[in-house]
N, C-alpha and C. Protein backbone atom coordinates (compact mmCIF):
# COMPACT_ATOMS: atom_id res chain seq x y z
N MET A 1 9.93 -105.06 68.16
CA MET A 1 10.97 -105.38 67.74
C MET A 1 10.72 -104.58 66.10
N ASN A 2 11.63 -103.92 65.49
CA ASN A 2 11.87 -103.49 64.52
C ASN A 2 12.71 -104.22 63.37
N ALA A 3 13.12 -103.93 62.08
CA ALA A 3 13.64 -104.90 61.46
C ALA A 3 15.15 -104.98 61.95
N LEU A 4 15.68 -104.00 62.83
CA LEU A 4 17.01 -104.06 63.09
C LEU A 4 17.16 -104.83 64.49
N GLY A 5 15.96 -105.02 64.92
CA GLY A 5 16.24 -105.83 65.96
C GLY A 5 15.96 -104.69 67.53
N LEU A 6 15.40 -103.58 66.87
CA LEU A 6 15.61 -102.73 68.31
C LEU A 6 14.02 -102.23 68.57
N SER A 7 13.71 -102.60 70.01
CA SER A 7 12.09 -101.97 70.44
C SER A 7 12.34 -100.65 70.35
N ARG A 8 10.97 -100.36 69.93
CA ARG A 8 10.65 -98.66 70.13
C ARG A 8 10.92 -98.07 71.83
N LYS A 9 10.53 -99.28 72.78
CA LYS A 9 10.86 -98.47 73.71
C LYS A 9 12.17 -98.61 73.87
N ARG A 10 13.09 -99.14 73.42
CA ARG A 10 14.64 -98.78 73.77
C ARG A 10 15.22 -97.89 73.00
N ILE A 11 14.68 -97.64 71.91
CA ILE A 11 14.97 -95.93 71.03
C ILE A 11 14.54 -95.20 71.78
N ARG A 12 13.26 -95.37 72.34
CA ARG A 12 12.86 -94.02 72.91
C ARG A 12 13.36 -93.89 74.47
N ILE A 13 13.96 -95.15 74.78
CA ILE A 13 14.89 -94.70 76.21
C ILE A 13 16.09 -94.02 75.59
N CYS A 14 16.99 -94.27 74.61
CA CYS A 14 18.08 -93.54 74.27
C CYS A 14 17.78 -92.16 74.23
N VAL A 15 16.44 -91.97 73.32
CA VAL A 15 16.33 -90.32 72.72
C VAL A 15 16.01 -89.54 74.09
N LEU A 16 15.10 -90.23 75.07
CA LEU A 16 14.91 -89.59 76.51
C LEU A 16 16.06 -89.59 77.50
N SER A 17 17.01 -90.53 77.13
CA SER A 17 18.47 -89.99 77.99
C SER A 17 19.36 -88.67 77.30
N VAL A 18 19.26 -88.75 76.09
CA VAL A 18 19.60 -87.47 75.63
C VAL A 18 19.26 -86.07 76.10
N LEU A 19 17.88 -86.17 75.86
CA LEU A 19 16.80 -85.42 76.29
C LEU A 19 17.15 -84.50 77.61
N LEU A 20 17.01 -85.71 78.29
CA LEU A 20 17.12 -85.48 79.93
C LEU A 20 18.72 -85.12 80.28
N CYS A 21 19.39 -85.48 79.53
CA CYS A 21 20.83 -84.89 79.96
C CYS A 21 20.85 -83.26 79.72
N LEU A 22 20.54 -83.06 78.40
CA LEU A 22 20.55 -81.97 78.04
C LEU A 22 19.87 -80.60 78.61
N ASN A 23 18.51 -81.23 79.13
CA ASN A 23 17.78 -80.50 80.67
C ASN A 23 18.81 -80.25 81.65
N VAL A 24 19.38 -81.47 82.27
CA VAL A 24 20.37 -81.05 83.17
C VAL A 24 21.52 -80.49 83.40
N LEU A 25 21.83 -80.57 82.30
CA LEU A 25 23.18 -79.53 81.82
C LEU A 25 22.95 -78.06 81.81
N VAL A 26 21.70 -77.51 80.92
CA VAL A 26 21.20 -76.59 81.29
C VAL A 26 20.73 -75.68 82.25
N SER A 27 20.06 -76.90 82.92
CA SER A 27 19.73 -76.03 84.29
C SER A 27 20.58 -76.87 85.62
N GLY A 28 21.35 -77.00 85.49
CA GLY A 28 22.55 -77.42 86.43
C GLY A 28 22.96 -76.59 86.94
N PRO A 29 23.83 -76.79 87.64
CA PRO A 29 24.50 -75.62 88.59
C PRO A 29 25.75 -74.68 87.95
N GLN A 30 25.82 -73.61 88.40
CA GLN A 30 26.60 -72.61 87.42
C GLN A 30 27.86 -72.82 87.39
N GLN A 31 28.88 -72.67 86.32
CA GLN A 31 30.29 -72.71 86.48
C GLN A 31 30.43 -71.92 86.90
N ALA A 32 32.19 -71.72 87.64
CA ALA A 32 32.79 -70.69 87.92
C ALA A 32 33.04 -69.49 86.82
N THR A 33 32.91 -68.40 87.17
CA THR A 33 32.92 -67.21 86.30
C THR A 33 34.14 -67.47 85.46
N ALA A 34 35.39 -67.68 85.75
CA ALA A 34 36.20 -68.43 84.76
C ALA A 34 35.71 -68.90 84.07
N GLN A 35 35.04 -70.37 84.14
CA GLN A 35 34.93 -71.30 83.09
C GLN A 35 33.88 -70.60 82.14
N LEU A 36 32.99 -69.91 82.91
CA LEU A 36 31.66 -69.52 82.04
C LEU A 36 32.65 -68.30 80.76
N ASP A 37 33.74 -67.73 81.34
CA ASP A 37 34.48 -66.83 80.31
C ASP A 37 35.17 -67.57 79.30
N SER A 38 35.40 -69.01 79.62
CA SER A 38 35.71 -69.38 78.55
C SER A 38 34.94 -70.53 77.69
N ASP A 39 35.34 -70.85 76.54
CA ASP A 39 34.41 -72.23 75.66
C ASP A 39 34.37 -73.19 76.36
N ASN A 40 35.62 -73.67 77.55
CA ASN A 40 35.10 -74.81 77.65
C ASN A 40 34.53 -75.08 79.11
N ARG A 41 33.81 -76.47 78.63
CA ARG A 41 33.15 -76.92 80.05
C ARG A 41 33.49 -78.26 80.44
N PRO A 42 33.50 -78.62 81.91
CA PRO A 42 34.17 -79.93 82.18
C PRO A 42 33.95 -80.88 81.48
N TYR A 43 32.59 -80.83 81.10
CA TYR A 43 31.76 -82.07 80.21
C TYR A 43 32.00 -82.40 78.78
N ASP A 44 32.79 -81.33 78.45
CA ASP A 44 32.64 -80.83 76.95
C ASP A 44 33.11 -82.47 76.21
N ASP A 45 33.90 -83.22 76.62
CA ASP A 45 34.35 -84.43 76.28
C ASP A 45 32.85 -85.47 75.81
N LYS A 46 32.39 -85.09 76.82
CA LYS A 46 31.18 -86.05 77.05
C LYS A 46 30.04 -85.69 76.24
N LEU A 47 29.91 -84.00 76.04
CA LEU A 47 29.12 -84.11 74.67
C LEU A 47 29.52 -84.14 73.38
N LEU A 48 30.76 -84.04 73.20
CA LEU A 48 31.46 -84.28 71.55
C LEU A 48 31.15 -85.60 71.45
N ARG A 49 31.47 -86.42 72.53
CA ARG A 49 31.46 -87.79 71.94
C ARG A 49 29.60 -88.42 71.90
N ILE A 50 28.85 -87.61 72.57
CA ILE A 50 27.40 -87.60 72.14
C ILE A 50 27.21 -87.04 70.91
N SER A 51 27.86 -86.03 70.15
CA SER A 51 27.85 -85.51 69.08
C SER A 51 27.84 -86.58 68.19
N GLU A 52 29.32 -87.19 67.95
CA GLU A 52 29.83 -88.17 67.29
C GLU A 52 28.79 -89.14 67.05
N ILE A 53 28.26 -89.56 68.16
CA ILE A 53 27.34 -90.70 68.37
C ILE A 53 25.98 -90.58 67.59
N LEU A 54 25.38 -89.62 67.75
CA LEU A 54 24.09 -88.77 67.13
C LEU A 54 24.60 -88.90 65.69
N GLY A 55 25.48 -88.26 65.15
CA GLY A 55 25.96 -88.29 63.92
C GLY A 55 26.12 -89.98 63.20
N ALA A 56 26.75 -90.59 64.06
CA ALA A 56 26.75 -92.17 63.20
C ALA A 56 25.47 -93.15 63.47
N ILE A 57 24.67 -93.01 64.50
CA ILE A 57 23.42 -93.23 64.59
C ILE A 57 22.39 -92.37 63.57
N HIS A 58 22.53 -91.47 63.35
CA HIS A 58 21.63 -91.03 61.93
C HIS A 58 22.05 -91.56 60.74
N TYR A 59 23.48 -91.70 60.36
CA TYR A 59 23.46 -92.28 59.07
C TYR A 59 23.17 -93.77 59.41
N LEU A 60 23.57 -94.41 60.40
CA LEU A 60 23.13 -96.16 60.19
C LEU A 60 21.81 -96.39 60.41
N ARG A 61 20.96 -95.75 61.09
CA ARG A 61 19.83 -96.00 61.30
C ARG A 61 19.10 -96.12 59.98
N GLU A 62 19.16 -95.06 59.27
CA GLU A 62 18.62 -94.74 57.84
C GLU A 62 19.30 -95.80 56.73
N LEU A 63 20.23 -95.94 57.01
CA LEU A 63 20.91 -97.22 56.07
C LEU A 63 20.06 -98.23 56.28
N CYS A 64 20.11 -98.49 57.66
CA CYS A 64 19.47 -99.74 57.94
C CYS A 64 17.70 -99.80 57.69
N GLY A 65 17.40 -98.77 57.23
CA GLY A 65 15.76 -98.85 56.99
C GLY A 65 15.30 -98.31 58.19
N ALA A 66 15.31 -97.91 59.22
CA ALA A 66 14.65 -97.30 60.18
C ALA A 66 13.52 -96.11 59.84
N ARG A 67 13.82 -95.71 58.76
CA ARG A 67 12.79 -94.78 58.63
C ARG A 67 12.09 -93.51 59.85
N GLU A 68 13.09 -92.94 60.30
CA GLU A 68 12.84 -92.33 61.02
C GLU A 68 13.18 -90.88 60.84
N GLY A 69 13.05 -90.22 59.63
CA GLY A 69 13.21 -89.04 59.16
C GLY A 69 14.80 -88.08 59.69
N GLN A 70 14.59 -87.70 60.54
CA GLN A 70 15.27 -86.21 61.05
C GLN A 70 15.45 -86.89 62.50
N VAL A 71 15.14 -87.60 63.02
CA VAL A 71 15.02 -87.99 64.65
C VAL A 71 16.46 -87.62 65.21
N TRP A 72 17.28 -88.06 64.88
CA TRP A 72 18.65 -88.03 65.34
C TRP A 72 19.22 -86.58 64.95
N ARG A 73 19.43 -86.46 63.84
CA ARG A 73 19.51 -84.42 63.72
C ARG A 73 18.62 -83.59 64.42
N ASP A 74 17.73 -83.76 64.90
CA ASP A 74 16.64 -82.69 65.40
C ASP A 74 17.39 -83.07 67.13
N GLN A 75 17.95 -84.52 67.58
CA GLN A 75 18.22 -84.71 68.74
C GLN A 75 19.55 -83.68 68.50
N MET A 76 20.33 -83.89 67.66
CA MET A 76 21.46 -82.69 67.61
C MET A 76 21.36 -81.43 67.41
N LYS A 77 20.54 -80.91 66.92
CA LYS A 77 19.83 -79.49 67.04
C LYS A 77 19.61 -79.01 68.24
N ASN A 78 18.73 -79.70 69.10
CA ASN A 78 18.42 -79.58 70.69
C ASN A 78 19.90 -79.63 71.22
N LEU A 79 20.54 -80.46 71.09
CA LEU A 79 21.80 -80.10 71.75
C LEU A 79 22.82 -79.02 71.43
N VAL A 80 22.92 -78.47 70.24
CA VAL A 80 23.63 -77.38 69.66
C VAL A 80 23.06 -76.02 70.26
N ASP A 81 21.43 -76.06 70.38
CA ASP A 81 20.50 -74.90 70.71
C ASP A 81 20.90 -74.91 72.27
N SER A 82 20.90 -75.79 73.10
CA SER A 82 20.89 -75.77 74.65
C SER A 82 22.71 -75.54 74.98
N GLU A 83 23.43 -76.15 74.21
CA GLU A 83 24.87 -75.93 74.55
C GLU A 83 25.95 -75.19 74.22
N GLY A 84 25.33 -74.77 72.66
CA GLY A 84 26.31 -74.20 71.51
C GLY A 84 26.28 -72.33 72.04
N THR A 85 26.50 -72.24 73.13
CA THR A 85 26.47 -70.67 73.83
C THR A 85 27.54 -69.79 73.18
N THR A 86 28.43 -70.45 72.30
CA THR A 86 29.39 -69.34 71.46
C THR A 86 29.44 -70.14 69.97
N ALA A 87 29.98 -69.63 68.80
CA ALA A 87 29.84 -69.94 67.74
C ALA A 87 31.25 -70.74 67.70
N ILE A 88 32.10 -70.74 68.32
CA ILE A 88 33.12 -72.05 68.60
C ILE A 88 32.65 -73.26 69.31
N ARG A 89 31.65 -73.19 70.24
CA ARG A 89 31.16 -74.37 70.97
C ARG A 89 30.27 -74.95 69.73
N ARG A 90 29.17 -74.02 69.04
CA ARG A 90 28.54 -74.83 68.01
C ARG A 90 29.24 -75.37 67.18
N ALA A 91 30.08 -74.91 66.25
CA ALA A 91 31.05 -75.43 65.37
C ALA A 91 32.03 -76.73 65.97
N LYS A 92 32.09 -76.85 67.09
CA LYS A 92 32.76 -78.06 67.78
C LYS A 92 31.80 -79.03 67.83
N LEU A 93 30.94 -78.91 68.19
CA LEU A 93 29.67 -79.70 68.18
C LEU A 93 29.11 -80.45 67.01
N VAL A 94 29.07 -79.54 66.19
CA VAL A 94 28.07 -80.14 64.53
C VAL A 94 29.54 -80.57 63.90
N GLN A 95 30.90 -80.45 64.06
CA GLN A 95 31.84 -81.05 63.85
C GLN A 95 31.71 -82.53 64.26
N GLY A 96 31.54 -82.69 65.32
CA GLY A 96 31.27 -84.02 66.33
C GLY A 96 30.60 -85.11 65.23
N PHE A 97 29.23 -84.25 65.17
CA PHE A 97 28.21 -84.77 64.85
C PHE A 97 28.61 -85.38 63.24
N ASN A 98 29.02 -84.29 62.34
CA ASN A 98 29.50 -84.65 60.95
C ASN A 98 30.68 -85.69 60.58
N LYS A 99 31.44 -85.66 62.16
CA LYS A 99 32.66 -86.59 62.14
C LYS A 99 31.71 -88.13 61.85
N GLY A 100 31.02 -88.29 62.95
CA GLY A 100 30.48 -89.57 63.14
C GLY A 100 29.70 -90.17 62.00
N TYR A 101 28.92 -89.07 61.26
CA TYR A 101 28.26 -89.62 60.11
C TYR A 101 28.96 -89.76 59.08
N ARG A 102 29.94 -88.99 58.69
CA ARG A 102 30.76 -89.12 57.66
C ARG A 102 31.73 -89.93 57.71
N GLY A 103 32.19 -90.40 59.17
CA GLY A 103 33.01 -91.63 59.24
C GLY A 103 32.39 -93.04 59.11
N TYR A 104 30.91 -93.07 59.58
CA TYR A 104 30.55 -94.57 59.03
C TYR A 104 29.62 -94.40 57.45
N ARG A 105 29.92 -93.64 57.06
CA ARG A 105 28.93 -93.10 55.47
C ARG A 105 30.18 -94.13 54.81
N ARG A 106 31.60 -93.65 55.02
CA ARG A 106 32.79 -94.06 54.53
C ARG A 106 32.56 -95.63 54.66
N THR A 107 32.75 -95.77 55.66
CA THR A 107 33.00 -97.65 55.97
C THR A 107 31.50 -98.54 55.68
N TYR A 108 30.48 -97.82 56.03
CA TYR A 108 29.10 -98.77 55.58
C TYR A 108 28.63 -98.21 54.06
N ARG A 109 28.26 -98.92 53.40
CA ARG A 109 27.32 -98.55 52.26
C ARG A 109 26.20 -99.74 52.22
N SER A 110 26.18 -100.33 52.84
CA SER A 110 24.57 -101.13 53.00
C SER A 110 24.73 -101.32 54.59
N CYS A 111 23.23 -102.18 54.84
CA CYS A 111 23.11 -102.24 56.36
C CYS A 111 23.60 -103.69 56.54
N THR A 112 24.44 -104.19 57.08
CA THR A 112 24.94 -105.45 57.38
C THR A 112 25.03 -105.91 59.06
N GLU A 113 25.21 -107.12 59.48
CA GLU A 113 25.16 -107.47 60.79
C GLU A 113 26.37 -106.35 61.81
N PRO A 114 27.48 -106.29 61.05
CA PRO A 114 28.32 -105.46 61.81
C PRO A 114 27.53 -103.81 61.70
N ALA A 115 26.97 -103.58 60.70
CA ALA A 115 26.05 -102.28 60.99
C ALA A 115 25.27 -101.80 62.07
N LYS A 116 24.49 -103.14 62.34
CA LYS A 116 23.37 -103.35 63.22
C LYS A 116 24.01 -103.10 64.52
N LEU A 117 25.31 -103.98 64.81
CA LEU A 117 25.86 -104.10 66.01
C LEU A 117 26.53 -102.57 66.35
N ALA A 118 26.81 -101.79 65.64
CA ALA A 118 27.31 -100.59 66.13
C ALA A 118 26.14 -99.88 66.06
N ILE A 119 25.13 -100.04 66.09
CA ILE A 119 23.96 -99.13 65.83
C ILE A 119 23.65 -99.58 67.61
N ASP A 120 23.99 -101.04 67.86
CA ASP A 120 23.46 -101.05 69.29
C ASP A 120 24.25 -100.79 69.92
N ARG A 121 25.58 -100.79 70.16
CA ARG A 121 26.90 -100.31 70.75
C ARG A 121 26.56 -98.53 70.90
N PHE A 122 26.45 -98.16 69.50
CA PHE A 122 26.00 -96.47 69.90
C PHE A 122 25.05 -96.13 70.76
N MET A 123 23.87 -97.13 70.76
CA MET A 123 22.96 -96.80 71.71
C MET A 123 23.04 -96.92 72.89
N ASP A 124 24.00 -97.95 73.42
CA ASP A 124 24.23 -98.26 74.58
C ASP A 124 25.14 -97.15 75.31
N GLU A 125 26.24 -96.88 74.58
CA GLU A 125 26.88 -96.12 74.81
C GLU A 125 26.39 -94.41 75.03
N GLY A 126 25.62 -94.24 73.95
CA GLY A 126 25.30 -92.58 73.93
C GLY A 126 24.09 -92.74 75.55
N ALA A 127 23.52 -93.83 75.91
CA ALA A 127 22.87 -93.94 77.16
C ALA A 127 23.65 -93.81 78.33
N ALA A 128 24.70 -94.61 78.39
CA ALA A 128 25.97 -94.48 79.46
C ALA A 128 26.38 -93.10 79.66
N ILE A 129 26.63 -92.55 78.77
CA ILE A 129 27.11 -90.95 78.68
C ILE A 129 26.43 -90.29 79.38
N ALA A 130 25.16 -90.44 79.00
CA ALA A 130 23.88 -89.63 79.30
C ALA A 130 23.63 -89.90 80.82
N GLY A 131 24.08 -91.13 81.19
CA GLY A 131 23.51 -91.24 83.11
C GLY A 131 24.99 -90.74 83.61
N VAL A 132 26.22 -90.81 82.73
CA VAL A 132 27.38 -90.13 84.07
C VAL A 132 26.88 -88.77 83.99
N LEU A 133 26.44 -88.26 82.94
CA LEU A 133 26.41 -86.60 83.00
C LEU A 133 25.35 -86.01 83.91
N LEU A 134 24.27 -87.14 83.92
CA LEU A 134 23.44 -86.93 85.00
C LEU A 134 23.44 -87.19 86.37
N LYS A 135 24.20 -87.93 86.73
CA LYS A 135 24.85 -88.23 87.97
C LYS A 135 25.74 -86.98 88.38
N GLU A 136 26.69 -86.76 87.51
CA GLU A 136 27.87 -85.42 87.54
C GLU A 136 26.91 -84.27 88.18
N ASN A 137 25.81 -83.99 87.44
CA ASN A 137 25.10 -82.88 88.02
C ASN A 137 24.10 -83.06 88.94
N GLN A 138 23.71 -83.61 89.50
CA GLN A 138 23.06 -83.73 90.46
C GLN A 138 23.35 -83.45 91.99
């Protein structure tokens, strides 16, 4: 366990869940031609939520002394690289990350118990969303 009470195993599971989710989405079944022509995908709401979660976790984990460097920003970059097929999609994903980061930067100025609880909840929510996306694309 680290100072935040999160085991390295739990953190890795969350990171792997996001990566696995991205791999499935990229290699999953092709969408209908009409959907490919538009910027919208049926799973976009979930991707945008994951973007927000990654931004919030990036800020909160650093605030609470996790010393992970750019791990969560790198996860976001992987998401943008795999799902940002157009400038509009990339912008939406980046906007989601920034929304999560800035929202929690305004809320928390120091690592508090509520901040640690928020991290736990985001980890759980991110893993749950990744699980849903995996299930939908099997």
